[in-house]
Structure formats: structure tokens, C-alpha cells
Amino acid sequence: MIRFTNVQKTYSNGHQALHDVSLTLQTGEMAFLTGHSGAGKSTVLKLLICLEKVSRGSVFIDNLNLSNLRASQIAKLRREVSFIFQDPQLLYEKTVFENVALPLVIARFHPSEIQKRVRAALSKVGLGGKENWSPKSLSCGEQQRIGIARAVVNAPRIILADEPTGNLDPDLAFDIMQLFASFNKAGVTVLIATHNLPLVASFNHRIITLKQGHITGDTQHDEHRKRYYETETI
């Protein structure tokens, strides 16, 4: 379970990114975090992976208070909580296989286990058979799938994604979201930050809305879809 309790985040330049944010995401839930650019979506995700620390309040994953973690505990957390960026941040001098295998190599998995896990991850994202390809030779959508395969190769409990479809056309964006939904059906908790409201309206999941660092909406899909289409027809 993910829990934010009265969280405030103020950056060193004085910008207050989050104001008294409280929310709970149940284990195995999938939700979208929406809002304008600068609303605080990325900050929420970065707090969950300890790329940032709260200024006030608490962030928990299960019963683990993320404010109190040592460096070794943060490393362990990042094996259980995967973060996917808008830019997949691939190593273009490496093969597809080597990119996906990187977290396992760092964690010192046995080569045979790396082979098995990487092939399974690539199969899940529809890139089976392209292990030896260069990422440069693949489309933007396929490159994003490499990033997703790298994120799930450790079998994480939680997937966080920050605008993962921002650079993709609508059809590819829908395919990528379907991938996340398939991981969620397998029991993975998924939280996706996106400003793509038409895409969000296509999926039957909870929507949490941020505006200037405040939660201004927290609705289930049907209620959000009704509001979205009412707005579109005005």
C-alpha cells in the first residue's frame, strides 16, 4: 500500500510543489495522476522512489517510512519499485538485451537467470526476438517498450511511470497503457502520471487530479469519464 499523509514538498529555490497532500493507493491498484505541467505529478513519483524527500509529512510504502531510509534500504526499495520516464534513457551503444539486463547485472544475478528474465520481459512487451538489435534501429514506441521491459525485469511490486506516452502518437500511447494494465492484472500496483485526459478516459481506473500542488479531484473512472465528456461537449 502507498500512503501520503499531509505531505508538503518545498524545493531549495523556494518553489512549493506539494501542499498538504494525503492519498492512499491500495496494493494491486492502478491509478492515473493527472494535472497541468508543474502541478506536482512528477514530485509525487520522485518521493516514492526517494529521488526527493518530503519537507513535511510522511510517505509510506506498506509500513516503511521512506523519510527514514538508509542508502542500502533505498537501493533495495528501487529493486521493488520501478520508475519509467517519458524518455526511456536507453544506452544506445548497447543492444536491446543489454539495456534490459542492466538492473540484473547491477544486482549480480547469475547469467542464466539474466537470460531467462530478460527474454521473458521482452516477450511481455512484444519485443521477443529483438534481443540483439540496436535500440537506434527501433521506433519510438519500441524504445519505450525497452524501457518498460527494463523496469519490469526485476519483477517489481510497484510501477511508477512519468508521462510514459508523452512522445507517442495516440495508437502507440494506447498500446503502452494496455501494457501497464496487463501488469496491473498480474497484481502489480501501478501509478501513472499523465496529462493525456482522452487516453485516461479510455481506461477503467481511478483518476487523481493535482492542481498547483493540491489534490483537487479523486474519482473513479465512470465519474471522471462523465465529467470529461460533458466538458468536451460544452
Protein backbone atom coordinates (compact mmCIF):
# COMPACT_ATOMS: atom_id res chain seq x y z
CA MET A 1 0.00 0.00 0.00
CA ILE A 2 1.13 3.56 -0.79
CA ARG A 3 0.20 6.29 1.66
CA PHE A 4 0.88 10.05 1.68
CA THR A 5 -0.01 11.83 4.91
CA ASN A 6 -0.11 15.66 4.92
CA VAL A 7 2.87 15.83 2.58
CA GLN A 8 4.49 19.12 1.74
CA LYS A 9 7.43 19.44 -0.64
CA THR A 10 9.37 22.67 -1.00
CA TYR A 11 12.43 22.76 -3.26
CA SER A 12 15.62 24.62 -2.45
CA ASN A 13 14.62 27.50 -4.74
CA GLY A 14 11.54 28.09 -2.61
CA HIS A 15 9.03 26.51 -5.00
CA GLN A 16 6.37 24.61 -3.07
CA ALA A 17 5.49 21.66 -5.29
CA LEU A 18 3.05 19.88 -2.95
CA HIS A 19 0.70 21.31 -0.34
CA ASP A 20 -0.69 19.06 2.39
CA VAL A 21 -1.20 16.07 0.07
CA SER A 22 -2.86 12.99 1.55
CA LEU A 23 -3.76 9.93 -0.50
CA THR A 24 -3.79 6.15 -0.33
CA LEU A 25 -3.25 3.66 -3.13
CA GLN A 26 -4.14 0.08 -2.27
CA THR A 27 -1.89 -2.85 -3.07
CA GLY A 28 -2.69 -4.09 -6.57
CA GLU A 29 -4.49 -0.88 -7.58
CA MET A 30 -3.86 1.07 -10.80
CA ALA A 31 -4.42 4.83 -10.89
CA PHE A 32 -3.70 7.84 -13.07
CA LEU A 33 -2.20 11.04 -11.66
CA THR A 34 -3.34 13.94 -13.83
CA GLY A 35 -2.91 17.71 -13.90
CA HIS A 36 -1.23 20.52 -15.80
CA SER A 37 2.53 20.79 -16.26
CA GLY A 38 4.01 21.81 -12.92
CA ALA A 39 1.03 20.53 -10.90
CA GLY A 40 3.25 18.27 -8.80
CA LYS A 41 2.76 14.91 -10.54
CA SER A 42 6.47 14.18 -11.02
CA THR A 43 7.21 15.22 -7.44
CA VAL A 44 4.74 12.62 -6.13
CA LEU A 45 6.52 9.90 -8.10
CA LYS A 46 10.01 11.06 -7.14
CA LEU A 47 9.10 10.94 -3.45
CA LEU A 48 8.07 7.30 -3.87
CA ILE A 49 11.46 6.33 -5.32
CA CYS A 50 13.44 8.54 -2.91
CA LEU A 51 14.73 10.82 -5.65
CA GLU A 52 13.34 13.57 -3.40
CA LYS A 53 12.46 13.77 0.28
CA VAL A 54 9.41 15.32 1.89
CA SER A 55 9.71 18.72 3.55
CA ARG A 56 6.89 17.84 5.93
CA GLY A 57 4.53 14.91 6.41
CA SER A 58 5.12 11.23 5.66
CA VAL A 59 5.26 8.87 2.69
CA PHE A 60 4.85 5.14 3.33
CA ILE A 61 5.06 2.04 1.21
CA ASP A 62 3.36 -0.61 3.32
CA ASN A 63 4.75 0.16 6.79
CA LEU A 64 8.04 1.56 5.52
CA ASN A 65 8.51 5.29 6.16
CA LEU A 66 10.55 6.50 3.20
CA SER A 67 11.90 9.50 5.10
CA ASN A 68 13.95 7.25 7.37
CA LEU A 69 15.69 5.03 4.82
CA ARG A 70 19.43 4.46 4.70
CA ALA A 71 21.26 4.25 1.36
CA SER A 72 21.22 0.44 1.41
CA GLN A 73 17.46 0.45 2.05
CA ILE A 74 16.89 2.88 -0.82
CA ALA A 75 18.78 0.53 -3.14
CA LYS A 76 16.53 -2.34 -2.03
CA LEU A 77 13.42 -0.19 -2.49
CA ARG A 78 14.41 0.60 -6.07
CA ARG A 79 14.53 -3.10 -6.87
CA GLU A 80 10.89 -3.38 -5.75
CA VAL A 81 9.61 -0.06 -7.13
CA SER A 82 10.38 0.64 -10.79
CA PHE A 83 10.34 4.12 -12.32
CA ILE A 84 9.65 4.69 -16.03
CA PHE A 85 10.48 8.08 -17.54
CA GLN A 86 8.99 9.79 -20.60
CA ASP A 87 12.43 9.41 -22.20
CA PRO A 88 13.38 5.73 -21.75
CA GLN A 89 17.02 6.78 -21.21
CA LEU A 90 18.48 3.88 -23.16
CA LEU A 91 22.16 3.15 -23.69
CA TYR A 92 22.27 3.33 -27.47
CA GLU A 93 25.71 1.74 -27.76
CA LYS A 94 24.27 -1.39 -26.10
CA THR A 95 21.89 -3.99 -27.52
CA VAL A 96 18.25 -4.32 -26.51
CA PHE A 97 19.20 -7.31 -24.35
CA GLU A 98 21.99 -5.41 -22.59
CA ASN A 99 19.71 -2.47 -21.85
CA VAL A 100 17.06 -4.65 -20.27
CA ALA A 101 19.60 -6.76 -18.39
CA LEU A 102 21.28 -3.77 -16.73
CA PRO A 103 19.35 -3.87 -13.39
CA LEU A 104 20.04 -7.59 -13.09
CA VAL A 105 23.75 -7.17 -13.85
CA ILE A 106 23.99 -4.46 -11.18
CA ALA A 107 22.21 -6.76 -8.72
CA ARG A 108 24.68 -9.55 -9.65
CA PHE A 109 22.16 -12.10 -10.87
CA HIS A 110 23.55 -15.32 -12.33
CA PRO A 111 23.93 -15.13 -16.14
CA SER A 112 21.44 -17.95 -16.70
CA GLU A 113 18.84 -16.14 -14.60
CA ILE A 114 19.52 -12.91 -16.50
CA GLN A 115 18.96 -14.71 -19.80
CA LYS A 116 15.66 -16.15 -18.59
CA ARG A 117 14.33 -12.91 -17.10
CA VAL A 118 15.33 -10.65 -19.97
CA ARG A 119 13.74 -12.89 -22.58
CA ALA A 120 10.56 -13.13 -20.51
CA ALA A 121 10.40 -9.34 -20.08
CA LEU A 122 10.95 -8.71 -23.80
CA SER A 123 8.27 -11.24 -24.67
CA LYS A 124 5.80 -9.46 -22.36
CA VAL A 125 6.33 -6.13 -24.17
CA GLY A 126 6.21 -7.65 -27.66
CA LEU A 127 9.92 -7.46 -28.43
CA GLY A 128 10.79 -11.15 -28.35
CA GLY A 129 13.41 -11.96 -30.98
CA LYS A 130 14.91 -8.46 -30.96
CA GLU A 131 17.41 -9.08 -28.14
CA ASN A 132 20.45 -8.37 -30.33
CA TRP A 133 19.06 -5.34 -32.11
CA SER A 134 20.34 -1.83 -31.52
CA PRO A 135 17.76 0.48 -29.87
CA LYS A 136 18.61 3.04 -32.58
CA SER A 137 17.04 0.77 -35.19
CA LEU A 138 13.69 0.63 -33.38
CA SER A 139 10.73 3.01 -33.39
CA CYS A 140 9.93 5.42 -30.53
CA GLY A 141 7.19 3.09 -29.33
CA GLU A 142 9.54 0.10 -29.35
CA GLN A 143 12.19 2.10 -27.49
CA GLN A 144 9.63 2.92 -24.81
CA ARG A 145 8.85 -0.80 -24.60
CA ILE A 146 12.55 -1.48 -23.97
CA GLY A 147 12.38 0.94 -21.05
CA ILE A 148 9.29 -0.83 -19.72
CA ALA A 149 10.94 -4.25 -20.09
CA ARG A 150 13.95 -2.97 -18.14
CA ALA A 151 11.60 -1.68 -15.43
CA VAL A 152 9.75 -4.99 -15.01
CA VAL A 153 12.68 -7.39 -15.38
CA ASN A 154 13.17 -7.30 -11.59
CA ALA A 155 9.50 -8.31 -11.08
CA PRO A 156 8.73 -5.13 -9.10
CA ARG A 157 5.76 -4.83 -6.75
CA ILE A 158 5.11 -1.24 -7.85
CA ILE A 159 5.50 0.51 -11.22
CA LEU A 160 5.65 4.30 -11.41
CA ALA A 161 5.54 5.99 -14.82
CA ASP A 162 6.04 9.69 -15.55
CA GLU A 163 4.36 10.72 -18.84
CA PRO A 164 5.35 7.39 -20.48
CA THR A 165 3.31 8.13 -23.61
CA GLY A 166 4.17 11.82 -23.98
CA ASN A 167 6.25 11.33 -27.14
CA LEU A 168 3.97 8.78 -28.83
CA ASP A 169 1.09 9.01 -31.27
CA PRO A 170 -2.39 8.06 -29.96
CA ASP A 171 -2.36 4.45 -31.18
CA LEU A 172 1.06 3.72 -29.69
CA ALA A 173 0.12 5.53 -26.49
CA PHE A 174 -2.95 3.31 -26.12
CA ASP A 175 -0.83 0.19 -26.67
CA ILE A 176 1.64 1.27 -23.98
CA MET A 177 -1.19 1.93 -21.50
CA GLN A 178 -2.59 -1.52 -22.24
CA LEU A 179 0.81 -2.94 -21.29
CA PHE A 180 0.61 -1.23 -17.90
CA ALA A 181 -2.94 -2.52 -17.45
CA SER A 182 -1.72 -6.07 -18.17
CA PHE A 183 0.95 -5.77 -15.45
CA ASN A 184 -1.70 -4.49 -13.07
CA LYS A 185 -3.91 -7.50 -13.83
CA ALA A 186 -0.96 -9.65 -12.77
CA GLY A 187 -1.06 -7.96 -9.34
CA VAL A 188 1.42 -5.09 -9.75
CA THR A 189 0.48 -1.72 -8.24
CA VAL A 190 0.67 0.94 -11.00
CA LEU A 191 0.67 4.75 -10.71
CA ILE A 192 0.96 6.73 -13.96
CA ALA A 193 1.42 10.49 -14.23
CA THR A 194 -0.08 11.84 -17.43
CA HIS A 195 -1.80 14.93 -18.80
CA ASN A 196 -3.46 12.93 -21.59
CA LEU A 197 -7.10 13.05 -20.48
CA PRO A 198 -8.58 11.42 -23.62
CA LEU A 199 -6.26 8.45 -23.07
CA VAL A 200 -7.13 8.24 -19.36
CA ALA A 201 -10.83 8.23 -20.28
CA SER A 202 -10.25 5.04 -22.28
CA PHE A 203 -9.30 3.02 -19.20
CA ASN A 204 -11.39 1.96 -16.23
CA HIS A 205 -9.14 3.13 -13.41
CA ARG A 206 -9.04 5.72 -10.65
CA ILE A 207 -8.02 9.31 -11.52
CA ILE A 208 -6.26 11.58 -9.00
CA THR A 209 -6.05 15.21 -10.12
CA LEU A 210 -3.43 17.71 -8.96
CA LYS A 211 -3.54 21.48 -9.38
CA GLN A 212 -0.72 23.70 -8.12
CA GLY A 213 0.35 21.03 -5.65
CA HIS A 214 -3.11 20.34 -4.23
CA ILE A 215 -5.30 17.30 -4.84
CA THR A 216 -8.42 18.75 -6.44
CA GLY A 217 -10.06 15.51 -7.56
CA ASP A 218 -10.03 11.81 -6.74
CA THR A 219 -12.62 9.93 -8.75
CA GLN A 220 -13.34 6.53 -10.12
CA HIS A 221 -13.31 6.12 -13.90
CA ASP A 222 -17.05 6.34 -14.65
CA GLU A 223 -17.49 9.60 -12.76
CA HIS A 224 -14.39 11.11 -14.40
CA ARG A 225 -15.43 9.98 -17.88
CA LYS A 226 -18.87 11.58 -17.44
CA ARG A 227 -17.27 14.89 -16.40
CA TYR A 228 -14.71 14.74 -19.22
CA TYR A 229 -17.23 14.20 -21.97
CA GLU A 230 -19.61 16.79 -20.51
CA THR A 231 -16.74 19.30 -20.67
CA GLU A 232 -15.88 18.28 -24.24
CA THR A 233 -19.45 18.90 -25.44
CA ILE A 234 -19.78 22.40 -23.94
